[in-house]
Protein backbone atom coordinates (compact mmCIF):
# COMPACT_ATOMS: atom_id res chain seq x y z
CA MET A 1 -5.40 -37.87 -35.11
CA ASP A 2 -8.09 -35.83 -33.42
CA ALA A 3 -6.68 -36.63 -29.99
CA HIS A 4 -3.21 -35.60 -31.17
CA PHE A 5 -4.57 -32.35 -32.58
CA GLY A 6 -6.45 -31.69 -29.33
CA ALA A 7 -3.29 -32.23 -27.31
CA LEU A 8 -1.42 -29.77 -29.51
CA VAL A 9 -4.16 -27.16 -29.08
CA SER A 10 -4.20 -27.67 -25.30
CA SER A 11 -0.43 -27.30 -25.22
CA GLU A 12 -0.62 -24.05 -27.21
CA ILE A 13 -3.32 -22.71 -24.88
CA ARG A 14 -1.19 -23.51 -21.83
CA VAL A 15 1.78 -21.69 -23.35
CA TRP A 16 -0.40 -18.69 -24.25
CA LEU A 17 -1.87 -18.53 -20.74
CA ALA A 18 1.60 -18.73 -19.17
CA GLU A 19 2.83 -15.90 -21.40
CA ALA A 20 -0.25 -13.80 -20.63
CA MET A 21 0.23 -14.27 -16.90
CA THR A 22 3.88 -13.24 -17.20
CA LEU A 23 2.91 -10.07 -19.08
CA ASN A 24 0.41 -9.14 -16.36
CA GLU A 25 2.81 -9.78 -13.49
CA ILE A 26 4.16 -6.82 -11.55
CA ALA A 27 7.95 -6.52 -11.84
CA VAL A 28 9.43 -5.93 -8.37
CA ALA A 29 13.03 -5.19 -7.41
CA VAL A 30 14.47 -5.55 -3.92
CA GLY A 31 17.22 -3.42 -2.42
CA GLY A 32 18.78 -2.06 0.76
CA GLY A 33 19.44 -3.91 4.01
CA HIS A 34 21.65 -6.98 4.25
CA GLU A 35 22.12 -9.53 1.50
CA MET A 36 20.41 -12.32 3.44
CA ASP A 37 17.45 -10.03 4.20
CA ARG A 38 17.17 -9.15 0.51
CA ALA A 39 17.31 -12.81 -0.51
CA GLY A 40 14.53 -13.73 1.91
CA LEU A 41 12.40 -10.79 0.83
CA ALA A 42 12.91 -11.63 -2.85
CA ALA A 43 11.89 -15.27 -2.24
CA LEU A 44 8.75 -14.14 -0.41
CA ILE A 45 7.77 -11.73 -3.20
CA ALA A 46 8.37 -14.40 -5.86
CA SER A 47 5.99 -16.71 -4.00
CA LEU A 48 3.13 -14.19 -4.15
CA LEU A 49 0.67 -14.50 -7.02
CA GLY A 50 1.09 -11.97 -9.82
CA LEU A 51 4.53 -10.73 -8.73
CA ARG A 52 7.97 -11.43 -10.16
CA VAL A 53 11.38 -10.32 -8.96
CA VAL A 54 13.77 -8.43 -11.27
CA SER A 55 17.00 -6.53 -10.72
CA ILE A 56 16.99 -2.83 -9.83
CA ASP A 57 18.68 -1.97 -13.14
CA ALA A 58 16.32 -4.12 -15.23
CA ASN A 59 15.17 -2.85 -18.62
CA PRO A 60 12.31 -2.03 -18.69
CA PRO A 61 12.62 -0.73 -15.11
CA PRO A 62 10.75 -2.47 -12.27
CA GLN A 63 7.29 -1.17 -11.50
CA VAL A 64 8.03 -1.30 -7.76
CA LEU A 65 11.23 -1.13 -5.70
CA VAL A 66 10.87 -2.64 -2.22
CA TRP A 67 13.63 -1.04 -0.19
CA GLU A 68 14.79 -2.58 3.09
CA ARG A 69 15.77 0.45 5.15
CA GLY A 70 17.96 -1.47 7.61
CA THR A 71 19.63 -0.21 10.77
CA LYS A 72 21.89 2.23 8.96
CA LEU A 73 18.87 4.18 7.67
CA ASN A 74 20.09 3.82 4.11
CA ASN A 75 17.91 5.70 1.68
CA PRO A 76 16.75 4.29 -1.68
CA PRO A 77 18.59 5.35 -4.84
CA SER A 78 17.21 7.50 -7.63
CA VAL A 79 15.01 5.37 -9.84
CA SER A 80 12.97 5.67 -13.01
CA PRO A 81 9.84 7.88 -12.74
CA ASP A 82 7.93 4.71 -13.65
CA THR A 83 9.15 2.92 -10.51
CA ALA A 84 7.22 3.27 -7.24
CA ILE A 85 9.22 2.91 -4.03
CA LEU A 86 7.85 0.90 -1.10
CA LEU A 87 9.95 1.42 2.03
CA LEU A 88 10.12 -1.47 4.48
CA THR A 89 10.82 0.00 7.89
CA GLU A 90 10.04 -0.03 11.60
CA ASP A 91 10.97 3.60 12.25
CA ILE A 92 8.43 6.26 13.13
CA GLU A 93 10.66 9.28 12.68
CA PHE A 94 8.69 10.34 9.64
CA GLU A 95 5.90 12.91 9.80
CA SER A 96 4.80 12.18 6.24
CA LEU A 97 5.85 9.95 3.38
CA PRO A 98 9.51 10.69 2.57
CA GLU A 99 10.29 12.29 -0.78
CA MET A 100 10.28 9.78 -3.67
CA VAL A 101 8.58 7.14 -1.48
CA THR A 102 5.09 5.96 -2.43
CA GLY A 103 4.51 3.62 0.49
CA LEU A 104 5.67 2.71 4.01
CA LEU A 105 5.32 -0.90 5.11
CA SER A 106 5.95 -2.08 8.66
CA ARG A 107 8.16 -5.15 9.17
CA ASP A 108 5.51 -6.37 11.63
CA GLU A 109 2.90 -6.84 8.89
CA PRO A 110 2.13 -10.35 7.56
CA PRO A 111 3.34 -11.53 4.12
CA ALA A 112 -0.10 -10.97 2.57
CA ALA A 113 0.14 -7.27 3.45
CA LEU A 114 3.37 -7.04 1.45
CA GLY A 115 1.53 -8.22 -1.66
CA ILE A 116 -1.30 -5.74 -1.05
CA ALA A 117 1.16 -2.88 -0.55
CA ILE A 118 3.10 -3.74 -3.73
CA ARG A 119 -0.05 -3.90 -5.85
CA GLN A 120 -1.34 -0.65 -4.37
CA VAL A 121 1.81 1.41 -5.08
CA ALA A 122 2.09 -0.22 -8.52
CA ARG A 123 -1.32 1.34 -9.30
CA GLY A 124 0.08 4.74 -8.35
CA GLU A 125 -1.63 4.84 -4.94
CA GLN A 126 0.00 5.52 -1.58
CA TYR A 127 0.31 2.80 1.05
CA LEU A 128 0.85 3.32 4.78
CA SER A 129 0.78 0.47 7.28
CA PRO A 130 -1.89 1.11 9.92
CA SER A 131 0.60 0.72 12.80
CA LEU A 132 3.03 3.19 11.22
CA ALA A 133 0.20 5.55 10.26
CA THR A 134 -1.07 5.77 13.82
CA ALA A 135 2.41 6.36 15.25
CA ILE A 136 3.32 8.93 12.60
CA LEU A 137 0.06 10.78 12.83
CA GLU A 138 0.09 10.92 16.61
CA LYS A 139 3.50 12.61 16.39
CA ARG A 140 1.95 15.24 14.16
CA GLN A 141 -1.15 15.74 16.28
CA ALA A 142 0.32 18.30 18.69
CA LYS A 143 2.09 20.16 15.88
CA SER A 144 -0.86 20.56 13.51
CA PRO A 145 -4.14 21.54 15.15
CA LEU A 146 -7.20 21.56 12.95
CA THR A 147 -7.85 24.73 10.98
CA GLU A 148 -11.18 26.52 11.34
CA SER A 149 -12.09 25.35 7.85
CA GLU A 150 -11.37 21.72 8.76
CA LYS A 151 -13.39 22.05 11.99
CA SER A 152 -16.35 23.43 10.03
CA THR A 153 -16.11 20.60 7.51
CA ILE A 154 -15.98 17.92 10.21
CA GLU A 155 -19.10 19.35 11.82
CA THR A 156 -20.97 18.60 8.59
CA LEU A 157 -20.18 14.86 8.85
CA THR A 158 -23.03 12.59 9.90
CA GLU A 159 -22.86 10.63 13.15
CA ARG A 160 -22.07 7.45 11.17
CA GLU A 161 -19.32 9.19 9.24
CA ARG A 162 -17.82 10.43 12.53
CA GLU A 163 -17.81 6.85 13.82
CA ILE A 164 -16.05 5.65 10.69
CA ILE A 165 -13.41 8.39 10.74
CA GLU A 166 -12.71 7.61 14.41
CA LEU A 167 -12.08 3.95 13.52
CA LEU A 168 -10.02 5.07 10.54
CA ALA A 169 -7.82 7.04 12.95
CA GLN A 170 -7.20 3.79 14.86
CA GLY A 171 -5.73 2.24 11.71
CA LEU A 172 -8.59 -0.21 11.09
CA SER A 173 -9.17 -1.66 7.64
CA ASN A 174 -12.52 -1.29 5.84
CA LYS A 175 -13.37 -4.90 6.72
CA MET A 176 -12.67 -4.31 10.43
CA ILE A 177 -14.67 -1.05 10.41
CA ALA A 178 -17.58 -2.86 8.77
CA SER A 179 -17.44 -5.63 11.39
CA LYS A 180 -17.39 -3.17 14.32
CA LEU A 181 -20.30 -1.13 12.99
CA TYR A 182 -22.29 -4.12 11.63
CA LEU A 183 -22.17 -2.74 8.11
CA SER A 184 -21.19 -4.21 4.76
CA VAL A 185 -17.74 -3.37 3.39
CA ARG A 186 -19.40 -1.71 0.42
CA THR A 187 -21.40 0.58 2.74
CA VAL A 188 -18.20 1.56 4.54
CA GLU A 189 -16.51 2.29 1.20
CA GLY A 190 -19.47 4.51 0.29
CA HIS A 191 -19.20 6.45 3.53
CA LEU A 192 -15.43 6.82 3.08
CA ALA A 193 -15.92 8.17 -0.45
CA ASN A 194 -18.28 10.78 0.98
CA ILE A 195 -15.84 11.61 3.80
CA TYR A 196 -12.98 12.04 1.29
CA SER A 197 -15.14 14.38 -0.76
CA ARG A 198 -16.18 16.49 2.24
CA LEU A 199 -12.61 16.72 3.56
CA GLY A 200 -11.22 17.51 0.11
CA VAL A 201 -8.76 14.59 0.16
CA HIS A 202 -8.04 11.89 -2.38
CA SER A 203 -6.60 8.99 -0.39
CA ARG A 204 -6.98 7.01 2.80
CA THR A 205 -3.62 8.32 4.01
CA GLU A 206 -4.70 11.96 3.66
CA ALA A 207 -7.97 11.21 5.49
CA MET A 208 -6.05 9.51 8.30
CA LEU A 209 -3.88 12.60 8.68
CA ILE A 210 -6.99 14.56 9.54
CA ALA A 211 -8.73 11.77 11.44
CA VAL A 212 -5.96 11.41 14.03
CA ARG A 213 -5.95 15.16 14.66
CA ILE A 214 -9.67 15.03 15.50
CA ARG A 215 -9.14 12.58 18.37
């Protein structure tokens, strides 16, 4: 009797945990590109922990729309204000994030980066692949020289902060910056927080916009 009761309880717990995990999953829709590309992308997203694939017109709406830009440069459709758009592309024609788009992800990035990008834009943050960021920002470099105010602010950065912002301009992650400078990731994050504050920016993308122009 006790064993039977224990089995029932365990079964109920498993069901509850499964339901809880489903509620915490990020709903992701896939669009654009060719049908076979979309199918492969949807299968990849479904295999990543904490993500589930839904249709673009799902109700409630998806939290993230991953849009395959394709060769025809098709733009994503209008979506709910609650849906963040992550653009999958290899183009570098942009000089900033396109209107309505929260993130740009390079097709050259590994599958794990797709999961990171989806989770980041789902939190309301911007995402820009390092390779795309460097290419985009270098295009802007000649067009937007630093203002006198920005130059003065940069001069107030410490030598260590200047080293970090230089590596940031190269598209390196916090972990890679920490490894190059023999620092902990937490120390790098602390320096970046101080750099953001001094530069008056609120995201890594904004800091990179300035960092590339310093080079």
